[in-house]
């Protein structure tokens, strides 16, 4: 076992504070980024669900509360990789993590916060936009 002072000296001898080097990406494993890196494009390039749940139109759930839940039909199921751009029917969409949120839907409610029965989804709270 080495002493604290020896360990500290080894660490200080092996770090470079303030030294910047530009490297090809393939050589960056184990390195630390010297400044913030921004992607030039959005990845993914579409709004997607961060969780399993139900894509909804937030306005449909404005009045939802535990005493008077809002019950809506489940009209579609969308998985990650599915390409369903538009759904015109009234209701909600069962959506998986990473799936594209269809046009016209503006919120996703976590599946654990939804009660299911007979092809319907029941919501007891409003859904925040986004």
N, C-alpha and C. Protein backbone atom coordinates (compact mmCIF):
# COMPACT_ATOMS: atom_id res chain seq x y z
N UNK A 1 0.85 -1.17 0.00
CA UNK A 1 0.00 0.00 0.00
C UNK A 1 0.90 1.24 0.00
N UNK A 2 0.46 2.25 -0.76
CA UNK A 2 1.25 3.48 -0.82
C UNK A 2 0.60 4.55 0.07
N UNK A 3 1.37 5.53 0.42
CA UNK A 3 0.87 6.59 1.29
C UNK A 3 0.00 7.56 0.49
N UNK A 4 -0.72 8.38 1.22
CA UNK A 4 -1.54 9.42 0.60
C UNK A 4 -0.67 10.34 -0.25
N UNK A 5 0.43 10.76 0.28
CA UNK A 5 1.32 11.68 -0.44
C UNK A 5 1.84 11.07 -1.73
N UNK A 6 2.19 9.77 -1.68
CA UNK A 6 2.66 9.09 -2.90
C UNK A 6 1.53 9.01 -3.93
N UNK A 7 0.32 8.66 -3.49
CA UNK A 7 -0.83 8.55 -4.39
C UNK A 7 -1.14 9.90 -5.03
N UNK A 8 -1.12 10.95 -4.20
CA UNK A 8 -1.38 12.30 -4.70
C UNK A 8 -0.34 12.71 -5.74
N UNK A 9 0.90 12.40 -5.50
CA UNK A 9 1.98 12.73 -6.43
C UNK A 9 1.79 12.00 -7.76
N UNK A 10 1.40 10.74 -7.71
CA UNK A 10 1.16 9.96 -8.94
C UNK A 10 0.02 10.59 -9.74
N UNK A 11 -1.05 10.95 -9.05
CA UNK A 11 -2.19 11.56 -9.74
C UNK A 11 -1.77 12.88 -10.38
N UNK A 12 -1.10 13.72 -9.63
CA UNK A 12 -0.71 15.04 -10.15
C UNK A 12 0.27 14.93 -11.32
N UNK A 13 1.10 13.89 -11.32
CA UNK A 13 2.04 13.68 -12.42
C UNK A 13 1.35 13.20 -13.70
N UNK A 14 0.12 12.71 -13.56
CA UNK A 14 -0.56 12.11 -14.70
C UNK A 14 -1.78 12.87 -15.19
N UNK A 15 -2.00 14.05 -14.68
CA UNK A 15 -3.12 14.84 -15.18
C UNK A 15 -2.60 16.08 -15.87
N UNK A 16 -3.38 16.54 -16.81
CA UNK A 16 -3.02 17.75 -17.55
C UNK A 16 -4.16 18.75 -17.37
N UNK A 17 -3.95 19.75 -16.58
CA UNK A 17 -4.97 20.77 -16.38
C UNK A 17 -4.71 21.90 -17.36
N UNK A 18 -5.73 22.19 -18.16
CA UNK A 18 -5.62 23.30 -19.09
C UNK A 18 -5.00 22.94 -20.43
N UNK A 19 -4.46 21.75 -20.59
CA UNK A 19 -3.85 21.37 -21.86
C UNK A 19 -4.96 20.86 -22.79
N UNK A 20 -5.06 21.45 -23.97
CA UNK A 20 -6.08 21.04 -24.94
C UNK A 20 -5.40 20.43 -26.15
N UNK A 21 -5.98 19.35 -26.62
CA UNK A 21 -5.48 18.68 -27.81
C UNK A 21 -6.68 18.34 -28.69
N UNK A 22 -6.58 18.58 -29.96
CA UNK A 22 -7.64 18.21 -30.88
C UNK A 22 -7.32 16.83 -31.43
N UNK A 23 -8.29 15.90 -31.26
CA UNK A 23 -8.10 14.51 -31.69
C UNK A 23 -9.23 14.05 -32.58
N UNK A 24 -8.98 13.10 -33.45
CA UNK A 24 -10.08 12.47 -34.19
C UNK A 24 -10.98 11.73 -33.20
N UNK A 25 -12.25 11.68 -33.49
CA UNK A 25 -13.22 11.07 -32.58
C UNK A 25 -12.83 9.66 -32.15
N UNK A 26 -12.29 8.87 -33.05
CA UNK A 26 -11.94 7.49 -32.72
C UNK A 26 -10.82 7.38 -31.68
N UNK A 27 -10.10 8.47 -31.44
CA UNK A 27 -9.02 8.46 -30.46
C UNK A 27 -9.43 9.10 -29.12
N UNK A 28 -10.71 9.39 -28.95
CA UNK A 28 -11.16 10.14 -27.77
C UNK A 28 -11.60 9.27 -26.59
N UNK A 29 -11.61 7.97 -26.75
CA UNK A 29 -12.01 7.10 -25.65
C UNK A 29 -11.11 7.33 -24.44
N UNK A 30 -11.74 7.61 -23.29
CA UNK A 30 -10.99 7.83 -22.06
C UNK A 30 -10.53 9.26 -21.87
N UNK A 31 -10.86 10.13 -22.82
CA UNK A 31 -10.46 11.54 -22.73
C UNK A 31 -11.59 12.37 -22.12
N UNK A 32 -11.30 13.60 -21.74
CA UNK A 32 -12.28 14.53 -21.19
C UNK A 32 -12.45 15.67 -22.17
N UNK A 33 -13.71 16.06 -22.38
CA UNK A 33 -13.99 17.15 -23.31
C UNK A 33 -13.65 18.48 -22.64
N UNK A 34 -12.96 19.35 -23.37
CA UNK A 34 -12.50 20.63 -22.82
C UNK A 34 -13.59 21.70 -22.87
N UNK A 35 -14.60 21.52 -23.70
CA UNK A 35 -15.68 22.50 -23.78
C UNK A 35 -16.95 21.79 -24.19
N UNK A 36 -18.07 22.48 -24.08
CA UNK A 36 -19.36 21.89 -24.40
C UNK A 36 -19.45 21.56 -25.88
N UNK A 37 -20.00 20.39 -26.18
CA UNK A 37 -20.16 19.94 -27.56
C UNK A 37 -21.65 20.01 -27.91
N UNK A 38 -21.98 20.62 -29.02
CA UNK A 38 -23.35 20.72 -29.48
C UNK A 38 -23.50 19.97 -30.80
N UNK A 39 -24.60 19.23 -30.92
CA UNK A 39 -24.90 18.56 -32.18
C UNK A 39 -25.44 19.58 -33.17
N UNK A 40 -25.06 19.52 -34.43
CA UNK A 40 -25.55 20.48 -35.41
C UNK A 40 -27.00 20.22 -35.82
N UNK A 41 -27.54 19.06 -35.45
CA UNK A 41 -28.93 18.71 -35.77
C UNK A 41 -29.57 18.11 -34.52
N UNK A 42 -30.91 18.13 -34.48
CA UNK A 42 -31.62 17.48 -33.39
C UNK A 42 -31.59 15.97 -33.58
N UNK A 43 -31.31 15.25 -32.52
CA UNK A 43 -31.31 13.79 -32.58
C UNK A 43 -32.18 13.28 -31.44
N UNK A 44 -33.29 12.63 -31.74
CA UNK A 44 -33.83 12.41 -33.08
C UNK A 44 -34.39 13.70 -33.65
N UNK A 45 -34.75 13.65 -34.92
CA UNK A 45 -35.21 14.85 -35.62
C UNK A 45 -36.70 15.09 -35.44
N UNK A 46 -37.32 14.37 -34.52
CA UNK A 46 -38.77 14.49 -34.30
C UNK A 46 -39.05 14.43 -32.80
N UNK A 47 -40.24 14.90 -32.43
CA UNK A 47 -40.66 14.80 -31.02
C UNK A 47 -40.94 13.33 -30.72
N UNK A 48 -40.34 12.84 -29.66
CA UNK A 48 -40.56 11.43 -29.33
C UNK A 48 -40.90 11.28 -27.85
N UNK A 49 -41.46 10.14 -27.52
CA UNK A 49 -41.87 9.88 -26.15
C UNK A 49 -40.68 9.42 -25.31
N UNK A 50 -40.53 10.04 -24.15
CA UNK A 50 -39.45 9.68 -23.24
C UNK A 50 -39.84 8.53 -22.33
N UNK A 51 -41.07 8.03 -22.47
CA UNK A 51 -41.56 6.96 -21.59
C UNK A 51 -42.69 6.20 -22.27
N UNK A 52 -42.97 5.01 -21.73
CA UNK A 52 -44.17 4.30 -22.15
C UNK A 52 -45.36 5.03 -21.55
N UNK A 53 -46.40 5.21 -22.34
CA UNK A 53 -47.57 5.91 -21.81
C UNK A 53 -48.61 6.12 -22.88
N UNK A 54 -49.29 7.26 -22.77
CA UNK A 54 -50.36 7.59 -23.70
C UNK A 54 -50.17 9.00 -24.23
N UNK A 55 -50.06 9.11 -25.56
CA UNK A 55 -50.02 10.42 -26.20
C UNK A 55 -51.44 10.96 -26.17
N UNK A 56 -51.56 12.22 -25.72
CA UNK A 56 -52.87 12.83 -25.55
C UNK A 56 -52.85 14.24 -26.13
N UNK A 57 -54.03 14.79 -26.27
CA UNK A 57 -54.19 16.21 -26.53
C UNK A 57 -54.48 16.82 -25.16
N UNK A 58 -53.56 17.63 -24.65
CA UNK A 58 -53.67 18.15 -23.28
C UNK A 58 -55.02 18.81 -23.03
N UNK A 59 -55.57 19.46 -24.02
CA UNK A 59 -56.87 20.13 -23.84
C UNK A 59 -57.97 19.14 -23.48
N UNK A 60 -57.84 17.89 -23.94
CA UNK A 60 -58.86 16.87 -23.62
C UNK A 60 -58.87 16.49 -22.14
N UNK A 61 -57.77 16.78 -21.44
CA UNK A 61 -57.65 16.37 -20.03
C UNK A 61 -57.69 17.54 -19.06
N UNK A 62 -58.01 18.74 -19.55
CA UNK A 62 -57.99 19.92 -18.69
C UNK A 62 -58.86 19.78 -17.44
N UNK A 63 -59.99 19.10 -17.55
CA UNK A 63 -60.93 18.98 -16.42
C UNK A 63 -60.73 17.69 -15.62
N UNK A 64 -59.74 16.88 -15.95
CA UNK A 64 -59.54 15.60 -15.26
C UNK A 64 -59.13 15.81 -13.81
N UNK A 65 -59.74 15.06 -12.91
CA UNK A 65 -59.37 15.07 -11.49
C UNK A 65 -59.81 13.74 -10.89
N UNK A 66 -59.34 13.39 -9.69
CA UNK A 66 -59.68 12.09 -9.11
C UNK A 66 -61.18 11.86 -8.93
N UNK A 67 -61.92 12.90 -8.61
CA UNK A 67 -63.37 12.75 -8.42
C UNK A 67 -64.11 12.60 -9.76
N UNK A 68 -63.56 13.20 -10.81
CA UNK A 68 -64.18 13.15 -12.14
C UNK A 68 -63.12 12.87 -13.20
N UNK A 69 -62.66 11.62 -13.27
CA UNK A 69 -61.63 11.30 -14.28
C UNK A 69 -62.19 11.41 -15.70
N UNK A 70 -61.28 11.64 -16.64
CA UNK A 70 -61.65 11.70 -18.06
C UNK A 70 -61.30 10.36 -18.68
N UNK A 71 -62.27 9.79 -19.37
CA UNK A 71 -62.09 8.47 -20.00
C UNK A 71 -62.13 8.65 -21.52
N UNK A 72 -61.07 8.18 -22.19
CA UNK A 72 -60.95 8.33 -23.63
C UNK A 72 -60.61 7.00 -24.28
N UNK A 73 -61.08 6.77 -25.50
CA UNK A 73 -60.77 5.51 -26.19
C UNK A 73 -59.31 5.45 -26.64
N UNK A 74 -58.73 4.27 -26.57
CA UNK A 74 -57.38 4.03 -27.10
C UNK A 74 -57.55 3.72 -28.59
N UNK A 75 -57.05 4.60 -29.45
CA UNK A 75 -57.32 4.46 -30.88
C UNK A 75 -56.17 3.88 -31.69
N UNK A 76 -54.98 3.82 -31.09
CA UNK A 76 -53.81 3.34 -31.84
C UNK A 76 -52.71 2.98 -30.85
N UNK A 77 -51.80 2.12 -31.29
CA UNK A 77 -50.58 1.82 -30.53
C UNK A 77 -49.40 2.11 -31.44
N UNK A 78 -48.42 2.85 -30.91
CA UNK A 78 -47.24 3.21 -31.70
C UNK A 78 -45.99 2.76 -30.96
N UNK A 79 -45.15 1.99 -31.65
CA UNK A 79 -43.88 1.55 -31.09
C UNK A 79 -42.74 2.37 -31.66
N UNK A 80 -41.58 2.27 -31.03
CA UNK A 80 -40.39 2.96 -31.55
C UNK A 80 -40.12 2.44 -32.95
N UNK A 81 -39.91 3.35 -33.88
CA UNK A 81 -39.65 2.97 -35.27
C UNK A 81 -40.88 3.00 -36.15
N UNK A 82 -42.08 2.99 -35.55
CA UNK A 82 -43.30 3.10 -36.35
C UNK A 82 -43.39 4.50 -36.94
N UNK A 83 -43.93 4.62 -38.13
CA UNK A 83 -44.03 5.93 -38.77
C UNK A 83 -45.49 6.28 -38.98
N UNK A 84 -46.12 6.75 -37.93
CA UNK A 84 -47.52 7.16 -38.00
C UNK A 84 -47.53 8.67 -37.78
N UNK A 85 -47.73 9.42 -38.85
CA UNK A 85 -47.59 10.87 -38.77
C UNK A 85 -48.85 11.56 -38.26
N UNK A 86 -50.01 11.10 -38.67
CA UNK A 86 -51.25 11.82 -38.35
C UNK A 86 -52.31 10.83 -37.91
N UNK A 87 -53.00 11.19 -36.84
CA UNK A 87 -54.14 10.41 -36.37
C UNK A 87 -55.27 11.41 -36.14
N UNK A 88 -56.33 11.28 -36.91
CA UNK A 88 -57.40 12.27 -36.86
C UNK A 88 -58.48 11.92 -35.84
N UNK A 89 -58.58 10.66 -35.47
CA UNK A 89 -59.66 10.23 -34.59
C UNK A 89 -59.54 10.81 -33.19
N UNK A 90 -60.67 10.92 -32.50
CA UNK A 90 -60.70 11.39 -31.12
C UNK A 90 -60.27 10.25 -30.21
N UNK A 91 -59.38 10.53 -29.29
CA UNK A 91 -58.94 9.52 -28.33
C UNK A 91 -57.47 9.70 -28.00
N UNK A 92 -56.87 8.64 -27.49
CA UNK A 92 -55.47 8.66 -27.08
C UNK A 92 -54.71 7.55 -27.80
N UNK A 93 -53.38 7.66 -27.78
CA UNK A 93 -52.53 6.70 -28.46
C UNK A 93 -51.60 6.06 -27.45
N UNK A 94 -51.63 4.74 -27.37
CA UNK A 94 -50.67 4.02 -26.53
C UNK A 94 -49.32 4.13 -27.22
N UNK A 95 -48.35 4.69 -26.53
CA UNK A 95 -47.06 5.00 -27.16
C UNK A 95 -45.91 4.42 -26.34
N UNK A 96 -44.91 3.91 -27.03
CA UNK A 96 -43.74 3.31 -26.37
C UNK A 96 -42.58 4.31 -26.31
N UNK A 97 -41.66 4.06 -25.42
CA UNK A 97 -40.47 4.89 -25.28
C UNK A 97 -39.75 5.01 -26.62
N UNK A 98 -39.44 6.24 -27.03
CA UNK A 98 -38.71 6.47 -28.28
C UNK A 98 -39.59 6.62 -29.50
N UNK A 99 -40.88 6.30 -29.37
CA UNK A 99 -41.77 6.40 -30.54
C UNK A 99 -42.07 7.85 -30.89
N UNK A 100 -42.28 8.09 -32.17
CA UNK A 100 -42.62 9.43 -32.66
C UNK A 100 -44.02 9.80 -32.17
N UNK A 101 -44.13 11.00 -31.61
CA UNK A 101 -45.44 11.49 -31.17
C UNK A 101 -46.18 11.99 -32.41
N UNK A 102 -47.39 11.46 -32.65
CA UNK A 102 -48.11 11.87 -33.86
C UNK A 102 -48.51 13.35 -33.82
N UNK A 103 -48.63 13.94 -35.01
CA UNK A 103 -49.07 15.33 -35.13
C UNK A 103 -50.42 15.50 -34.43
N UNK A 104 -50.57 16.63 -33.76
CA UNK A 104 -51.83 16.92 -33.08
C UNK A 104 -51.85 16.51 -31.62
N UNK A 105 -50.93 15.68 -31.20
CA UNK A 105 -50.83 15.27 -29.80
C UNK A 105 -49.71 16.09 -29.17
N UNK A 106 -49.93 16.58 -27.95
CA UNK A 106 -48.99 17.52 -27.37
C UNK A 106 -48.52 17.18 -25.96
N UNK A 107 -48.81 15.97 -25.52
CA UNK A 107 -48.36 15.53 -24.19
C UNK A 107 -48.34 14.01 -24.14
N UNK A 108 -47.54 13.48 -23.22
CA UNK A 108 -47.53 12.04 -22.97
C UNK A 108 -47.72 11.84 -21.47
N UNK A 109 -48.69 10.99 -21.13
CA UNK A 109 -48.95 10.67 -19.73
C UNK A 109 -48.33 9.30 -19.45
N UNK A 110 -47.53 9.24 -18.41
CA UNK A 110 -46.84 8.01 -18.02
C UNK A 110 -47.86 6.90 -17.78
N UNK A 111 -47.55 5.71 -18.28
CA UNK A 111 -48.49 4.59 -18.22
C UNK A 111 -48.92 4.26 -16.79
N UNK A 112 -48.03 4.48 -15.82
CA UNK A 112 -48.36 4.19 -14.43
C UNK A 112 -49.44 5.12 -13.88
N UNK A 113 -49.68 6.24 -14.56
CA UNK A 113 -50.68 7.21 -14.10
C UNK A 113 -52.01 7.09 -14.84
N UNK A 114 -52.20 5.97 -15.54
CA UNK A 114 -53.40 5.77 -16.34
C UNK A 114 -54.06 4.47 -15.92
N UNK A 115 -55.38 4.52 -15.76
CA UNK A 115 -56.16 3.31 -15.46
C UNK A 115 -56.77 2.83 -16.77
N UNK A 116 -56.62 1.54 -17.05
CA UNK A 116 -57.12 0.97 -18.30
C UNK A 116 -58.34 0.11 -18.05
N UNK A 117 -59.32 0.20 -18.96
CA UNK A 117 -60.48 -0.69 -18.88
C UNK A 117 -61.21 -0.71 -20.21
N UNK A 118 -61.43 -1.88 -20.73
CA UNK A 118 -62.24 -2.11 -21.93
C UNK A 118 -61.89 -1.19 -23.11
N UNK A 119 -60.61 -1.11 -23.45
CA UNK A 119 -60.19 -0.31 -24.60
C UNK A 119 -60.17 1.18 -24.36
N UNK A 120 -60.30 1.58 -23.11
CA UNK A 120 -60.28 2.99 -22.76
C UNK A 120 -59.15 3.27 -21.78
N UNK A 121 -58.73 4.53 -21.76
CA UNK A 121 -57.73 5.00 -20.80
C UNK A 121 -58.39 6.07 -19.94
N UNK A 122 -58.18 5.95 -18.62
CA UNK A 122 -58.81 6.88 -17.69
C UNK A 122 -57.75 7.74 -17.01
N UNK A 123 -57.94 9.06 -17.06
CA UNK A 123 -56.99 10.02 -16.54
C UNK A 123 -57.61 10.79 -15.38
N UNK A 124 -56.91 10.88 -14.27
CA UNK A 124 -57.44 11.60 -13.11
C UNK A 124 -56.67 12.87 -12.81
N UNK A 125 -55.93 13.37 -13.79
CA UNK A 125 -55.21 14.64 -13.64
C UNK A 125 -54.97 15.23 -15.03
N UNK A 126 -54.89 16.55 -15.12
CA UNK A 126 -54.55 17.17 -16.41
C UNK A 126 -53.14 16.75 -16.84
N UNK A 127 -52.88 16.87 -18.12
CA UNK A 127 -51.54 16.55 -18.66
C UNK A 127 -50.82 17.84 -19.00
N UNK A 128 -49.62 18.06 -18.46
CA UNK A 128 -48.88 19.26 -18.85
C UNK A 128 -48.42 19.16 -20.30
N UNK A 129 -48.40 20.28 -21.00
CA UNK A 129 -47.95 20.28 -22.39
C UNK A 129 -46.52 19.76 -22.47
N UNK A 130 -46.25 19.03 -23.53
CA UNK A 130 -44.90 18.54 -23.76
C UNK A 130 -44.67 17.20 -23.18
